[in-house]
Protein backbone atom coordinates (compact mmCIF):
# COMPACT_ATOMS: atom_id res chain seq x y z
CA MET A 1 -12.38 27.60 7.38
CA THR A 2 -12.48 24.14 5.77
CA THR A 3 -15.88 22.45 5.55
CA ILE A 4 -15.70 18.64 5.54
CA ALA A 5 -18.81 16.70 4.49
CA LEU A 6 -19.06 13.22 6.00
CA LEU A 7 -20.37 10.43 3.76
CA PRO A 8 -19.93 7.17 5.73
CA GLY A 9 -21.47 5.02 2.99
CA ASP A 10 -22.10 1.32 3.37
CA GLY A 11 -20.97 -1.77 5.27
CA ILE A 12 -17.96 -1.02 7.44
CA GLY A 13 -17.83 2.50 6.00
CA SER A 14 -19.34 4.14 9.06
CA GLU A 15 -17.30 2.32 11.71
CA ILE A 16 -14.03 2.65 9.81
CA LEU A 17 -14.29 6.43 10.22
CA ASP A 18 -14.72 6.34 13.99
CA GLY A 19 -11.06 7.00 14.83
CA PRO A 20 -10.46 9.77 12.26
CA LEU A 21 -13.73 11.50 13.24
CA THR A 22 -12.79 11.40 16.92
CA TYR A 23 -9.55 13.15 16.01
CA LEU A 24 -11.27 15.73 13.76
CA ARG A 25 -13.77 16.56 16.50
CA ARG A 26 -10.88 16.96 18.94
CA LEU A 27 -9.17 19.34 16.51
CA GLN A 28 -12.40 21.28 16.03
CA ALA A 29 -12.87 21.64 19.79
CA ASP A 30 -9.28 22.89 20.07
CA GLY A 31 -10.00 25.66 17.55
CA ALA A 32 -8.71 24.20 14.27
CA PRO A 33 -10.25 25.96 11.24
CA LEU A 34 -12.63 23.18 10.23
CA THR A 35 -16.34 22.43 10.25
CA LEU A 36 -17.87 18.96 10.01
CA THR A 37 -21.24 18.46 8.31
CA GLY A 38 -23.33 15.32 8.04
CA PRO A 39 -23.31 12.36 7.99
CA PHE A 40 -25.08 12.25 4.63
CA PRO A 41 -26.29 9.02 2.97
CA TYR A 42 -25.15 7.63 -0.37
CA GLY A 43 -24.68 4.24 -1.95
CA THR A 44 -26.86 1.44 -0.60
CA THR A 45 -27.64 3.35 2.61
CA GLY A 46 -28.73 6.29 0.48
CA TRP A 47 -31.07 3.98 -1.40
CA GLN A 48 -32.42 2.62 1.89
CA ALA A 49 -33.07 6.10 3.24
CA THR A 50 -34.38 7.88 0.16
CA GLY A 51 -34.71 5.47 -2.76
CA SER A 52 -31.66 7.05 -4.44
CA ILE A 53 -28.02 5.98 -4.28
CA LEU A 54 -27.04 9.67 -4.50
CA PRO A 55 -29.75 11.69 -2.75
CA PRO A 56 -30.13 15.38 -3.69
CA GLU A 57 -29.43 16.41 -0.08
CA THR A 58 -26.04 14.70 -0.29
CA VAL A 59 -25.13 16.47 -3.53
CA ALA A 60 -26.29 19.77 -2.03
CA ALA A 61 -24.11 19.19 1.03
CA CYS A 62 -21.12 18.54 -1.20
CA ARG A 63 -21.76 21.84 -3.01
CA GLU A 64 -21.50 23.60 0.34
CA ALA A 65 -18.35 21.73 1.42
CA ASP A 66 -14.67 21.96 0.48
CA VAL A 67 -13.85 18.25 0.74
CA VAL A 68 -15.56 14.93 1.49
CA LEU A 69 -14.40 12.26 3.93
CA SER A 70 -16.05 9.00 2.88
CA GLY A 71 -16.13 5.54 4.43
CA ALA A 72 -16.82 3.04 1.66
CA VAL A 73 -19.62 2.58 -0.86
CA GLY A 74 -21.03 -0.69 -2.18
CA ALA A 75 -22.74 -3.74 -0.71
CA HIS A 76 -24.50 -3.41 2.65
CA PRO A 77 -25.85 -6.04 5.07
CA GLY A 78 -29.46 -7.00 4.47
CA VAL A 79 -29.66 -5.51 0.98
CA THR A 80 -29.28 -7.73 -2.08
CA ALA A 81 -27.71 -6.73 -5.37
CA ALA A 82 -31.08 -7.30 -7.02
CA GLU A 83 -32.65 -4.71 -4.71
CA CYS A 84 -29.91 -2.12 -5.11
CA PRO A 85 -27.70 -2.85 -8.13
CA ASN A 86 -24.42 -1.00 -8.63
CA PRO A 87 -24.40 1.36 -5.62
CA GLU A 88 -20.77 2.20 -6.47
CA ALA A 89 -22.17 4.37 -9.27
CA ALA A 90 -22.91 6.98 -6.59
CA LEU A 91 -19.18 7.54 -6.11
CA ILE A 92 -18.58 7.66 -9.86
CA GLU A 93 -21.37 10.22 -10.26
CA LEU A 94 -19.92 12.42 -7.51
CA ARG A 95 -16.59 12.39 -9.33
CA HIS A 96 -18.25 13.57 -12.52
CA ILE A 97 -20.44 16.21 -10.87
CA PHE A 98 -17.44 17.86 -9.20
CA ASP A 99 -14.87 16.95 -11.87
CA LEU A 100 -12.69 14.92 -9.51
CA ARG A 101 -10.54 13.62 -12.31
CA ILE A 102 -7.22 12.60 -10.75
CA SER A 103 -6.72 9.69 -8.35
CA VAL A 104 -4.05 9.76 -5.64
CA ARG A 105 -3.59 6.53 -3.72
CA THR A 106 -1.28 6.32 -0.72
CA VAL A 107 -0.14 2.82 0.26
CA TRP A 108 1.58 2.72 3.63
CA VAL A 109 4.17 -0.02 4.19
CA PRO A 110 4.62 -0.78 7.90
CA GLY A 111 7.92 -2.20 9.03
CA GLU A 112 9.86 -0.26 6.39
CA GLY A 113 10.30 2.96 8.32
CA GLY A 114 6.71 4.00 7.79
CA GLU A 115 7.41 4.77 4.13
CA ASP A 116 4.51 5.09 1.74
CA VAL A 117 4.10 4.82 -2.01
CA VAL A 118 1.88 7.33 -3.84
CA ILE A 119 0.21 6.28 -7.10
CA VAL A 120 -1.12 9.18 -9.19
CA ARG A 121 -3.35 8.45 -12.20
CA ASN A 122 -6.22 9.84 -14.26
CA ILE A 123 -9.56 8.48 -13.08
CA THR A 124 -12.35 9.93 -15.27
CA GLY A 125 -10.67 9.80 -18.69
CA GLY A 126 -8.50 7.41 -20.67
CA ALA A 127 -9.37 3.81 -19.89
CA TYR A 128 -12.09 5.00 -17.48
CA ALA A 129 -13.88 7.24 -19.94
CA SER A 130 -17.63 7.66 -20.22
CA PRO A 131 -19.80 4.82 -21.63
CA ASP A 132 -20.11 6.55 -25.02
CA ARG A 133 -16.56 5.37 -25.77
CA ARG A 134 -17.50 1.73 -25.33
CA GLN A 135 -19.27 -0.78 -27.53
CA GLU A 136 -20.66 -3.95 -26.00
CA SER A 137 -20.54 -7.19 -27.95
CA ASP A 138 -23.70 -9.07 -28.83
CA GLY A 139 -21.64 -12.20 -29.51
CA VAL A 140 -21.30 -11.28 -33.18
CA ARG A 141 -19.97 -7.74 -33.26
CA PRO A 142 -16.67 -7.01 -31.52
CA ALA A 143 -16.50 -5.28 -28.16
CA GLU A 144 -14.66 -1.99 -28.13
CA ASP A 145 -13.18 0.31 -25.47
CA ARG A 146 -11.64 3.53 -26.79
CA VAL A 147 -8.80 4.98 -24.71
CA VAL A 148 -8.33 8.67 -25.51
CA LEU A 149 -5.85 10.88 -23.64
CA GLU A 150 -5.83 14.65 -24.00
CA PRO A 151 -2.41 16.31 -23.63
CA ASP A 152 -3.62 18.94 -21.14
CA ARG A 153 -5.19 16.27 -18.93
CA VAL A 154 -1.97 14.23 -18.98
CA ARG A 155 0.06 17.31 -18.03
CA GLU A 156 -2.10 18.00 -15.00
CA VAL A 157 -1.62 14.42 -13.77
CA PHE A 158 2.13 14.97 -13.92
CA ALA A 159 1.78 18.32 -12.14
CA ILE A 160 0.08 16.63 -9.18
CA ALA A 161 2.61 13.78 -9.23
CA ALA A 162 5.48 16.27 -9.21
CA GLU A 163 4.15 17.78 -5.97
CA TYR A 164 4.32 14.39 -4.26
CA ALA A 165 7.74 13.64 -5.76
CA ALA A 166 9.09 16.92 -4.37
CA ARG A 167 8.19 15.73 -0.86
CA ARG A 168 10.26 12.57 -1.39
CA PRO A 169 13.51 13.83 -2.98
CA ASP A 170 15.49 10.86 -1.66
CA ARG A 171 13.24 8.27 -3.35
CA GLN A 172 12.67 7.36 -6.98
CA ALA A 173 9.69 8.70 -8.92
CA ILE A 174 8.67 6.53 -11.88
CA SER A 175 6.39 7.08 -14.86
CA VAL A 176 4.78 3.85 -16.07
CA ASP A 177 3.53 3.31 -19.61
CA LYS A 178 3.66 0.93 -22.60
CA ALA A 179 5.23 3.28 -25.12
CA SER A 180 6.46 0.42 -27.29
CA VAL A 181 2.83 -0.39 -28.16
CA PHE A 182 0.33 2.39 -27.44
CA ALA A 183 0.07 5.89 -28.93
CA THR A 184 -1.43 7.04 -25.64
CA SER A 185 1.66 5.78 -23.83
CA ARG A 186 3.95 7.62 -26.22
CA LEU A 187 2.08 10.82 -25.35
CA TRP A 188 2.43 9.86 -21.69
CA ARG A 189 6.20 9.35 -21.97
CA ARG A 190 6.73 12.57 -23.89
CA THR A 191 4.81 14.46 -21.21
CA ALA A 192 6.96 12.84 -18.51
CA HIS A 193 10.08 14.16 -20.24
CA GLU A 194 8.57 17.65 -20.48
CA SER A 195 7.31 17.75 -16.89
CA GLY A 196 10.43 19.23 -15.28
CA THR A 197 10.61 16.38 -12.75
CA ALA A 198 13.05 13.49 -13.13
CA PHE A 199 10.54 10.69 -13.59
CA HIS A 200 12.18 7.39 -14.53
CA ASP A 201 10.44 5.69 -17.49
CA VAL A 202 9.36 2.08 -16.88
CA ASN A 203 7.20 -0.18 -19.03
CA VAL A 204 4.18 -1.45 -17.14
CA ASP A 205 5.18 -5.13 -17.28
CA ARG A 206 8.65 -4.32 -15.95
CA ALA A 207 7.13 -2.10 -13.24
CA ALA A 208 4.93 -4.96 -12.04
CA TYR A 209 7.95 -7.26 -11.91
CA GLU A 210 10.10 -4.80 -9.98
CA LEU A 211 7.36 -3.99 -7.47
CA VAL A 212 7.12 -7.69 -6.64
CA LYS A 213 10.79 -8.62 -6.90
CA TYR A 214 12.87 -5.83 -5.38
CA PRO A 215 12.80 -4.60 -1.78
CA GLU A 216 13.16 -0.92 -2.69
CA LEU A 217 9.84 0.75 -3.45
CA PRO A 218 9.55 4.01 -5.38
CA GLY A 219 8.17 7.06 -3.63
CA VAL A 220 5.81 8.02 -6.47
CA ILE A 221 4.29 6.15 -9.42
CA VAL A 222 2.51 8.21 -12.07
CA THR A 223 0.61 6.31 -14.75
CA GLU A 224 -2.57 5.95 -16.79
CA GLY A 225 -5.72 4.93 -14.95
CA ILE A 226 -5.91 1.22 -15.71
CA PHE A 227 -2.19 0.62 -15.14
CA GLY A 228 -2.39 2.47 -11.82
CA ASP A 229 -5.43 0.48 -10.74
CA ILE A 230 -3.46 -2.76 -11.11
CA LEU A 231 -0.12 -1.53 -9.76
CA SER A 232 -1.67 -0.03 -6.63
CA ASP A 233 -3.01 -3.47 -5.69
CA ILE A 234 0.45 -4.95 -6.20
CA VAL A 235 1.86 -2.36 -3.81
CA CYS A 236 -0.93 -3.19 -1.34
CA ALA A 237 0.13 -6.84 -1.54
CA ARG A 238 3.69 -5.76 -0.71
CA ALA A 239 2.35 -3.77 2.23
CA GLY A 240 0.35 -6.75 3.46
CA SER A 241 -3.29 -5.69 3.19
CA PRO A 242 -5.68 -3.64 1.02
CA ALA A 243 -6.58 -1.86 4.28
CA LEU A 244 -3.22 -0.04 4.12
CA CYS A 245 -4.31 2.19 1.25
CA GLY A 246 -5.90 5.62 1.43
CA SER A 247 -7.47 7.07 -1.69
CA ALA A 248 -8.23 10.56 -2.92
CA THR A 249 -9.92 11.77 -6.08
CA VAL A 250 -9.14 15.42 -6.66
CA ASN A 251 -9.83 18.36 -8.94
CA PRO A 252 -6.41 19.83 -9.79
CA ASP A 253 -7.93 23.31 -10.22
CA ARG A 254 -8.56 23.42 -6.44
CA ARG A 255 -11.34 25.98 -6.65
CA PHE A 256 -12.13 26.10 -2.94
CA GLY A 257 -15.51 27.67 -2.26
CA GLU A 258 -17.14 26.20 -5.38
CA GLY A 259 -18.11 22.74 -4.12
CA ILE A 260 -15.89 19.86 -3.12
CA THR A 261 -12.36 19.90 -4.51
CA ALA A 262 -11.53 16.35 -3.40
CA LEU A 263 -13.00 13.17 -1.93
CA PHE A 264 -10.92 11.12 0.53
CA GLU A 265 -11.64 7.50 1.47
CA PRO A 266 -10.00 4.18 2.30
CA ALA A 267 -9.45 2.23 -0.90
CA HIS A 268 -10.93 -1.04 0.35
CA GLY A 269 -14.51 -2.26 -0.06
CA THR A 270 -17.49 -2.27 2.29
CA ALA A 271 -16.92 -5.81 3.68
CA PRO A 272 -20.59 -6.36 4.64
CA HIS A 273 -19.75 -9.71 6.24
CA ARG A 274 -17.50 -7.90 8.75
CA THR A 275 -19.86 -5.02 9.49
CA GLY A 276 -20.34 -4.62 13.21
CA SER A 277 -17.50 -6.99 14.11
CA ARG A 278 -15.11 -4.09 14.87
CA ARG A 279 -12.29 -6.24 13.48
CA SER A 280 -11.51 -4.26 10.33
CA ASN A 281 -8.20 -2.45 9.99
CA PRO A 282 -8.87 1.35 9.97
CA THR A 283 -5.45 2.33 8.56
CA GLY A 284 -6.88 3.26 5.14
CA ALA A 285 -9.27 5.73 6.75
CA TRP A 286 -6.40 7.26 8.75
CA LEU A 287 -4.32 7.58 5.58
CA ALA A 288 -7.26 9.25 3.83
CA LEU A 289 -7.47 11.70 6.71
CA ALA A 290 -3.74 12.44 6.49
CA ASP A 291 -4.09 13.23 2.79
CA LEU A 292 -7.09 15.46 3.52
CA LEU A 293 -5.09 17.40 6.12
CA ASP A 294 -2.33 17.88 3.53
CA TRP A 295 -4.73 18.98 0.76
CA CYS A 296 -6.68 21.77 2.46
CA PRO A 297 -4.95 25.19 2.54
CA ASP A 298 -6.39 26.05 5.97
CA LEU A 299 -5.20 22.78 7.51
CA GLN A 300 -1.92 22.00 5.75
CA PRO A 301 0.10 24.67 7.65
CA LEU A 302 -0.82 22.98 10.95
CA GLY A 303 1.51 20.08 10.06
CA LEU A 304 -0.99 17.44 11.18
CA ALA A 305 -0.55 14.89 8.38
CA PRO A 306 2.99 13.83 9.44
CA LYS A 307 1.72 13.44 13.00
CA VAL A 308 -1.05 11.08 11.83
CA ARG A 309 1.44 8.96 9.89
CA ALA A 310 3.85 8.86 12.85
CA ALA A 311 0.98 7.79 15.14
CA LEU A 312 0.11 4.99 12.71
CA GLU A 313 3.70 3.77 12.76
CA SER A 314 3.72 3.76 16.56
CA ALA A 315 0.35 1.99 16.71
CA VAL A 316 1.67 -0.86 14.57
CA ALA A 317 4.98 -1.09 16.41
CA ASP A 318 3.58 -0.92 19.94
CA GLY A 319 0.73 -3.41 19.92
CA ALA A 320 -0.75 -6.58 18.51
CA PRO A 321 -1.44 -6.47 14.75
CA THR A 322 -4.92 -6.35 13.30
CA TYR A 323 -6.21 -9.67 11.96
CA ASP A 324 -5.24 -8.96 8.34
CA LEU A 325 -1.58 -8.37 9.25
CA ALA A 326 -1.25 -11.07 11.90
CA PRO A 327 0.59 -14.32 11.10
CA ALA A 328 -1.52 -17.46 10.96
CA ASP A 329 -0.27 -18.65 14.35
CA ALA A 330 -0.85 -15.31 16.13
CA THR A 331 -2.31 -15.69 19.61
CA GLU A 332 -3.32 -12.04 19.93
CA VAL A 333 -4.75 -9.55 17.47
CA SER A 334 -6.11 -6.04 17.87
CA ASP A 335 -9.62 -5.01 16.97
CA MET A 336 -10.47 -1.64 15.45
CA ASP A 337 -11.07 0.06 18.78
CA GLN A 338 -7.76 -1.09 20.27
CA PHE A 339 -5.89 0.09 17.19
CA ASN A 340 -7.66 3.46 17.13
CA LYS A 341 -6.89 3.95 20.82
CA ARG A 342 -3.17 3.54 20.10
CA VAL A 343 -3.29 5.95 17.17
CA LEU A 344 -5.27 8.56 19.12
CA GLY A 345 -2.87 8.17 22.02
CA GLY A 346 -0.01 9.01 19.69
CA LEU A 347 -1.86 12.17 18.61
CA GLU A 348 -2.36 13.61 22.10
């Protein structure tokens, strides 16, 4: 039995999960081996409810769950940054508590056969290390950010990337670095060669150029955290919207039964100005759900993730686009509820 803790978060976070939660509840009613708990507050809504951006009850719920399905965390209508500064730290703290140290982003590209691009990167080390590896400048002393990569941690990033590459044998898998300059990148490239998977080496500047210039997209990109952060947004631009990206942060040890092993969410922000409008594109939340269904050992054998992705493809092909994908002269666009209805219809 897989226990899924629901953390809707802030802004559009709650409404963006409506479609995926309807589907999960349908699966649960049909006897799928899953249990839903929550919703539990965190981020700005956690601060509103309890005075803490990461309430103890939310952490306790995550200790009792196998995975988290999250909406978005950040700004929220009616709450100023002065009142609740840096609510995103709640997500960062959850990653550290449960050692969710690898990021997997799935960018879906509609109109290209429903293909997606997976970007795998380290998320709690390297360029995104703890604050004790940083020195702020006072205007006199230099600023400093130390990037340290440990060989074992690099190897586990490649192990996760190899799993995704194996699912896409007909598409290129690339390893992105800057080995001509950085010692960390030379370690990265050496690990790529030792990984047992045929990753194609590409310098980060060349990778950015090719992602913009050429129509063919790789199936998998594996890279250091900061490079992956930038390249995933370039792929989103190719896809047409940041809403077409699902995100997971995972613990590669997968110790199910010892707290959450992964957190799944859309990669976009909380869009407080759109909260309640029902106009936001929920594709990122659906992609996060598909990745969750693929990650959990009780759910993966059911083969549900490919069905979710096929329903997304049909939803885009069979109806008006959401506002973010519509051309400027579009006379008809779909809201969130219309889009979800098409996806859910494809899952019946």
